[in-house]
């Protein structure tokens, strides 16, 4: 929870805040390795605070592997790829994947 609140406090590049948030998520993963929410939030921290697209996708994919029908990591990666990294083609692939899981979700609209 502490990592989540830290991550939400600043969505702009901030490596110090990002390090603190990631440390909390890593601690949570030590207690529960199959905790997809921690990987999902680490993905967001790497997108927002560190601006590291590869790490963002790596941690999102770990969350997706643990919970394959959960579309939030897919939606967030798509959003970051589109808006922060200007990669519309890759963003579209994540949206299409989310849509294939839940075509009725308002998040895919």
N, C-alpha and C. Protein backbone atom coordinates (compact mmCIF):
# COMPACT_ATOMS: atom_id res chain seq x y z
N UNK A 1 0.81 -1.18 0.00
CA UNK A 1 0.00 0.00 0.00
C UNK A 1 0.86 1.26 0.00
N UNK A 2 1.97 1.23 0.74
CA UNK A 2 2.84 2.40 0.80
C UNK A 2 3.42 2.71 -0.59
N UNK A 3 3.82 1.67 -1.32
CA UNK A 3 4.36 1.87 -2.66
C UNK A 3 3.31 2.45 -3.59
N UNK A 4 2.09 1.97 -3.49
CA UNK A 4 0.99 2.45 -4.32
C UNK A 4 0.73 3.93 -4.06
N UNK A 5 0.66 4.31 -2.79
CA UNK A 5 0.42 5.71 -2.46
C UNK A 5 1.56 6.61 -2.90
N UNK A 6 2.79 6.13 -2.74
CA UNK A 6 3.94 6.90 -3.23
C UNK A 6 3.87 7.08 -4.74
N UNK A 7 3.57 5.99 -5.44
CA UNK A 7 3.52 6.05 -6.90
C UNK A 7 2.44 7.01 -7.38
N UNK A 8 1.33 7.08 -6.68
CA UNK A 8 0.25 7.97 -7.07
C UNK A 8 0.56 9.43 -6.76
N UNK A 9 1.49 9.68 -5.86
CA UNK A 9 1.75 11.05 -5.42
C UNK A 9 2.43 11.91 -6.48
N UNK A 10 3.07 11.28 -7.47
CA UNK A 10 3.73 12.07 -8.51
C UNK A 10 3.89 11.19 -9.75
N UNK A 11 3.20 11.56 -10.82
CA UNK A 11 3.28 10.79 -12.07
C UNK A 11 4.28 11.39 -13.05
N UNK A 12 5.08 12.33 -12.59
CA UNK A 12 6.11 12.93 -13.42
C UNK A 12 7.44 12.24 -13.13
N UNK A 13 8.42 12.40 -14.02
CA UNK A 13 9.72 11.78 -13.76
C UNK A 13 10.28 12.21 -12.40
N UNK A 14 10.51 11.27 -11.56
CA UNK A 14 11.05 11.51 -10.22
C UNK A 14 11.71 10.22 -9.76
N UNK A 15 13.01 10.12 -10.00
CA UNK A 15 13.71 8.87 -9.72
C UNK A 15 13.76 8.53 -8.23
N UNK A 16 13.89 9.52 -7.37
CA UNK A 16 13.94 9.24 -5.94
C UNK A 16 12.62 8.66 -5.45
N UNK A 17 11.53 9.27 -5.84
CA UNK A 17 10.22 8.75 -5.46
C UNK A 17 10.00 7.37 -6.07
N UNK A 18 10.41 7.21 -7.32
CA UNK A 18 10.28 5.92 -7.99
C UNK A 18 11.04 4.82 -7.27
N UNK A 19 12.25 5.12 -6.82
CA UNK A 19 13.05 4.13 -6.08
C UNK A 19 12.35 3.70 -4.80
N UNK A 20 11.78 4.67 -4.09
CA UNK A 20 11.09 4.36 -2.85
C UNK A 20 9.87 3.47 -3.12
N UNK A 21 9.10 3.83 -4.14
CA UNK A 21 7.92 3.04 -4.47
C UNK A 21 8.30 1.63 -4.89
N UNK A 22 9.30 1.50 -5.77
CA UNK A 22 9.73 0.18 -6.23
C UNK A 22 10.24 -0.67 -5.07
N UNK A 23 10.93 -0.06 -4.12
CA UNK A 23 11.40 -0.81 -2.95
C UNK A 23 10.23 -1.39 -2.16
N UNK A 24 9.16 -0.63 -2.02
CA UNK A 24 7.97 -1.14 -1.32
C UNK A 24 7.35 -2.30 -2.10
N UNK A 25 7.28 -2.16 -3.43
CA UNK A 25 6.70 -3.24 -4.24
C UNK A 25 7.57 -4.50 -4.19
N UNK A 26 8.87 -4.32 -4.20
CA UNK A 26 9.77 -5.48 -4.11
C UNK A 26 9.63 -6.18 -2.77
N UNK A 27 9.44 -5.41 -1.72
CA UNK A 27 9.22 -6.00 -0.40
C UNK A 27 7.92 -6.80 -0.40
N UNK A 28 6.88 -6.25 -1.00
CA UNK A 28 5.60 -6.97 -1.09
C UNK A 28 5.77 -8.28 -1.86
N UNK A 29 6.58 -8.25 -2.92
CA UNK A 29 6.80 -9.46 -3.73
C UNK A 29 7.61 -10.50 -2.96
N UNK A 30 8.47 -10.04 -2.05
CA UNK A 30 9.19 -11.00 -1.20
C UNK A 30 8.22 -11.78 -0.33
N UNK A 31 7.17 -11.13 0.11
CA UNK A 31 6.18 -11.81 0.94
C UNK A 31 5.22 -12.65 0.12
N UNK A 32 4.91 -12.18 -1.08
CA UNK A 32 3.99 -12.91 -1.95
C UNK A 32 4.45 -12.75 -3.40
N UNK A 33 5.18 -13.72 -3.89
CA UNK A 33 5.78 -13.64 -5.21
C UNK A 33 4.76 -13.54 -6.33
N UNK A 34 3.60 -14.15 -6.14
CA UNK A 34 2.57 -14.14 -7.18
C UNK A 34 1.54 -13.04 -6.92
N UNK A 35 2.01 -11.83 -6.72
CA UNK A 35 1.18 -10.67 -6.40
C UNK A 35 1.13 -9.75 -7.62
N UNK A 36 0.16 -9.95 -8.53
CA UNK A 36 0.15 -9.22 -9.79
C UNK A 36 0.02 -7.71 -9.64
N UNK A 37 -0.67 -7.26 -8.59
CA UNK A 37 -0.83 -5.82 -8.40
C UNK A 37 0.50 -5.11 -8.18
N UNK A 38 1.42 -5.77 -7.51
CA UNK A 38 2.74 -5.16 -7.29
C UNK A 38 3.48 -5.01 -8.61
N UNK A 39 3.43 -6.04 -9.45
CA UNK A 39 4.10 -5.96 -10.75
C UNK A 39 3.44 -4.90 -11.63
N UNK A 40 2.12 -4.83 -11.59
CA UNK A 40 1.38 -3.83 -12.36
C UNK A 40 1.80 -2.41 -11.95
N UNK A 41 1.87 -2.18 -10.65
CA UNK A 41 2.26 -0.85 -10.19
C UNK A 41 3.73 -0.56 -10.45
N UNK A 42 4.58 -1.57 -10.38
CA UNK A 42 5.98 -1.36 -10.75
C UNK A 42 6.07 -0.94 -12.21
N UNK A 43 5.24 -1.54 -13.03
CA UNK A 43 5.20 -1.16 -14.45
C UNK A 43 4.87 0.32 -14.59
N UNK A 44 3.89 0.79 -13.85
CA UNK A 44 3.51 2.20 -13.92
C UNK A 44 4.62 3.12 -13.41
N UNK A 45 5.31 2.70 -12.37
CA UNK A 45 6.42 3.50 -11.85
C UNK A 45 7.54 3.60 -12.89
N UNK A 46 7.84 2.49 -13.55
CA UNK A 46 8.89 2.54 -14.57
C UNK A 46 8.47 3.40 -15.76
N UNK A 47 7.18 3.48 -16.02
CA UNK A 47 6.71 4.35 -17.10
C UNK A 47 6.75 5.81 -16.69
N UNK A 48 6.18 6.11 -15.53
CA UNK A 48 6.02 7.50 -15.12
C UNK A 48 7.27 8.11 -14.50
N UNK A 49 7.85 7.44 -13.53
CA UNK A 49 8.95 8.02 -12.78
C UNK A 49 10.31 7.84 -13.43
N UNK A 50 10.51 6.70 -14.07
CA UNK A 50 11.82 6.41 -14.67
C UNK A 50 11.84 6.57 -16.18
N UNK A 51 10.67 6.57 -16.82
CA UNK A 51 10.56 6.65 -18.28
C UNK A 51 11.36 5.54 -18.97
N UNK A 52 11.20 4.31 -18.46
CA UNK A 52 11.90 3.14 -19.01
C UNK A 52 10.87 2.19 -19.61
N UNK A 53 10.72 2.25 -20.92
CA UNK A 53 9.69 1.48 -21.60
C UNK A 53 9.90 -0.03 -21.47
N UNK A 54 11.13 -0.50 -21.56
CA UNK A 54 11.38 -1.94 -21.47
C UNK A 54 11.01 -2.49 -20.10
N UNK A 55 11.38 -1.79 -19.04
CA UNK A 55 11.03 -2.24 -17.70
C UNK A 55 9.53 -2.14 -17.47
N UNK A 56 8.90 -1.10 -18.01
CA UNK A 56 7.46 -0.97 -17.91
C UNK A 56 6.77 -2.21 -18.49
N UNK A 57 7.17 -2.59 -19.69
CA UNK A 57 6.57 -3.75 -20.33
C UNK A 57 6.93 -5.05 -19.60
N UNK A 58 8.15 -5.16 -19.12
CA UNK A 58 8.58 -6.37 -18.41
C UNK A 58 7.68 -6.63 -17.21
N UNK A 59 7.48 -5.62 -16.37
CA UNK A 59 6.68 -5.82 -15.16
C UNK A 59 5.19 -5.96 -15.48
N UNK A 60 4.71 -5.28 -16.48
CA UNK A 60 3.31 -5.47 -16.89
C UNK A 60 3.11 -6.90 -17.37
N UNK A 61 4.05 -7.42 -18.11
CA UNK A 61 3.93 -8.80 -18.60
C UNK A 61 4.00 -9.81 -17.47
N UNK A 62 4.74 -9.51 -16.41
CA UNK A 62 4.75 -10.40 -15.24
C UNK A 62 3.36 -10.41 -14.59
N UNK A 63 2.73 -9.25 -14.49
CA UNK A 63 1.37 -9.18 -13.93
C UNK A 63 0.38 -9.94 -14.82
N UNK A 64 0.50 -9.77 -16.11
CA UNK A 64 -0.39 -10.42 -17.07
C UNK A 64 -0.21 -11.94 -17.02
N UNK A 65 1.03 -12.39 -16.88
CA UNK A 65 1.28 -13.83 -16.80
C UNK A 65 0.63 -14.44 -15.56
N UNK A 66 0.62 -13.69 -14.46
CA UNK A 66 0.01 -14.19 -13.23
C UNK A 66 -1.51 -14.17 -13.27
N UNK A 67 -2.07 -13.21 -13.99
CA UNK A 67 -3.52 -13.05 -14.05
C UNK A 67 -3.91 -12.69 -15.48
N UNK A 68 -3.96 -13.67 -16.36
CA UNK A 68 -4.10 -13.44 -17.80
C UNK A 68 -5.39 -12.74 -18.24
N UNK A 69 -6.43 -12.79 -17.44
CA UNK A 69 -7.68 -12.15 -17.84
C UNK A 69 -7.88 -10.75 -17.27
N UNK A 70 -6.87 -10.22 -16.64
CA UNK A 70 -6.93 -8.89 -16.05
C UNK A 70 -6.45 -7.88 -17.08
N UNK A 71 -7.29 -6.94 -17.44
CA UNK A 71 -6.93 -6.03 -18.52
C UNK A 71 -6.25 -4.74 -18.07
N UNK A 72 -6.27 -4.42 -16.78
CA UNK A 72 -5.68 -3.15 -16.33
C UNK A 72 -4.21 -2.99 -16.71
N UNK A 73 -3.35 -3.98 -16.53
CA UNK A 73 -1.96 -3.79 -16.96
C UNK A 73 -1.86 -3.52 -18.47
N UNK A 74 -2.69 -4.19 -19.24
CA UNK A 74 -2.69 -3.99 -20.69
C UNK A 74 -3.12 -2.57 -21.05
N UNK A 75 -4.16 -2.10 -20.40
CA UNK A 75 -4.67 -0.75 -20.66
C UNK A 75 -3.63 0.29 -20.27
N UNK A 76 -3.03 0.13 -19.09
CA UNK A 76 -2.04 1.11 -18.64
C UNK A 76 -0.81 1.14 -19.54
N UNK A 77 -0.32 -0.02 -19.94
CA UNK A 77 0.85 -0.04 -20.84
C UNK A 77 0.49 0.64 -22.16
N UNK A 78 -0.69 0.35 -22.65
CA UNK A 78 -1.12 0.98 -23.90
C UNK A 78 -1.17 2.50 -23.75
N UNK A 79 -1.74 2.95 -22.65
CA UNK A 79 -1.83 4.39 -22.38
C UNK A 79 -0.44 5.03 -22.32
N UNK A 80 0.48 4.39 -21.61
CA UNK A 80 1.83 4.94 -21.50
C UNK A 80 2.57 4.91 -22.84
N UNK A 81 2.43 3.81 -23.56
CA UNK A 81 3.09 3.74 -24.87
C UNK A 81 2.60 4.84 -25.80
N UNK A 82 1.32 5.09 -25.74
CA UNK A 82 0.73 6.10 -26.63
C UNK A 82 1.10 7.52 -26.20
N UNK A 83 0.89 7.82 -24.92
CA UNK A 83 1.05 9.21 -24.49
C UNK A 83 2.47 9.58 -24.05
N UNK A 84 3.16 8.70 -23.38
CA UNK A 84 4.50 9.04 -22.87
C UNK A 84 5.62 8.69 -23.84
N UNK A 85 5.41 7.62 -24.61
CA UNK A 85 6.49 7.13 -25.46
C UNK A 85 6.20 7.27 -26.94
N UNK A 86 5.05 7.83 -27.30
CA UNK A 86 4.66 8.09 -28.69
C UNK A 86 4.82 6.86 -29.59
N UNK A 87 4.42 5.71 -29.07
CA UNK A 87 4.51 4.48 -29.86
C UNK A 87 3.09 3.93 -30.06
N UNK A 88 2.42 4.49 -31.05
CA UNK A 88 1.02 4.15 -31.29
C UNK A 88 0.83 2.71 -31.74
N UNK A 89 1.76 2.19 -32.52
CA UNK A 89 1.62 0.81 -33.01
C UNK A 89 1.68 -0.20 -31.87
N UNK A 90 2.64 -0.04 -30.99
CA UNK A 90 2.74 -0.97 -29.85
C UNK A 90 1.57 -0.78 -28.89
N UNK A 91 1.14 0.45 -28.72
CA UNK A 91 -0.01 0.72 -27.86
C UNK A 91 -1.25 0.00 -28.38
N UNK A 92 -1.43 0.02 -29.67
CA UNK A 92 -2.59 -0.63 -30.28
C UNK A 92 -2.59 -2.13 -30.02
N UNK A 93 -1.43 -2.75 -30.03
CA UNK A 93 -1.35 -4.19 -29.77
C UNK A 93 -1.84 -4.53 -28.36
N UNK A 94 -1.49 -3.70 -27.39
CA UNK A 94 -1.95 -3.95 -26.02
C UNK A 94 -3.46 -3.73 -25.90
N UNK A 95 -3.98 -2.71 -26.55
CA UNK A 95 -5.43 -2.47 -26.53
C UNK A 95 -6.16 -3.63 -27.21
N UNK A 96 -5.63 -4.10 -28.32
CA UNK A 96 -6.27 -5.22 -29.01
C UNK A 96 -6.26 -6.47 -28.14
N UNK A 97 -5.17 -6.68 -27.42
CA UNK A 97 -5.10 -7.83 -26.50
C UNK A 97 -6.15 -7.68 -25.40
N UNK A 98 -6.26 -6.50 -24.82
CA UNK A 98 -7.27 -6.26 -23.78
C UNK A 98 -8.67 -6.45 -24.34
N UNK A 99 -8.90 -5.97 -25.55
CA UNK A 99 -10.21 -6.12 -26.19
C UNK A 99 -10.54 -7.58 -26.45
N UNK A 100 -9.53 -8.39 -26.76
CA UNK A 100 -9.77 -9.82 -26.99
C UNK A 100 -10.16 -10.54 -25.70
N UNK A 101 -9.76 -9.99 -24.55
CA UNK A 101 -10.11 -10.57 -23.27
C UNK A 101 -11.50 -10.11 -22.83
N UNK A 102 -11.77 -8.82 -22.98
CA UNK A 102 -13.05 -8.28 -22.53
C UNK A 102 -13.49 -7.16 -23.47
N UNK A 103 -14.17 -7.54 -24.53
CA UNK A 103 -14.59 -6.56 -25.53
C UNK A 103 -15.71 -5.65 -25.03
N UNK A 104 -16.31 -5.98 -23.88
CA UNK A 104 -17.37 -5.14 -23.32
C UNK A 104 -16.86 -4.13 -22.32
N UNK A 105 -15.58 -4.16 -22.02
CA UNK A 105 -15.03 -3.25 -21.02
C UNK A 105 -14.99 -1.82 -21.57
N UNK A 106 -15.42 -0.90 -20.75
CA UNK A 106 -15.35 0.51 -21.12
C UNK A 106 -13.90 0.97 -21.25
N UNK A 107 -12.99 0.28 -20.59
CA UNK A 107 -11.57 0.63 -20.65
C UNK A 107 -10.97 0.41 -22.03
N UNK A 108 -11.58 -0.48 -22.82
CA UNK A 108 -11.08 -0.77 -24.16
C UNK A 108 -11.69 0.14 -25.21
N UNK A 109 -12.65 0.95 -24.81
CA UNK A 109 -13.36 1.80 -25.78
C UNK A 109 -12.50 2.93 -26.29
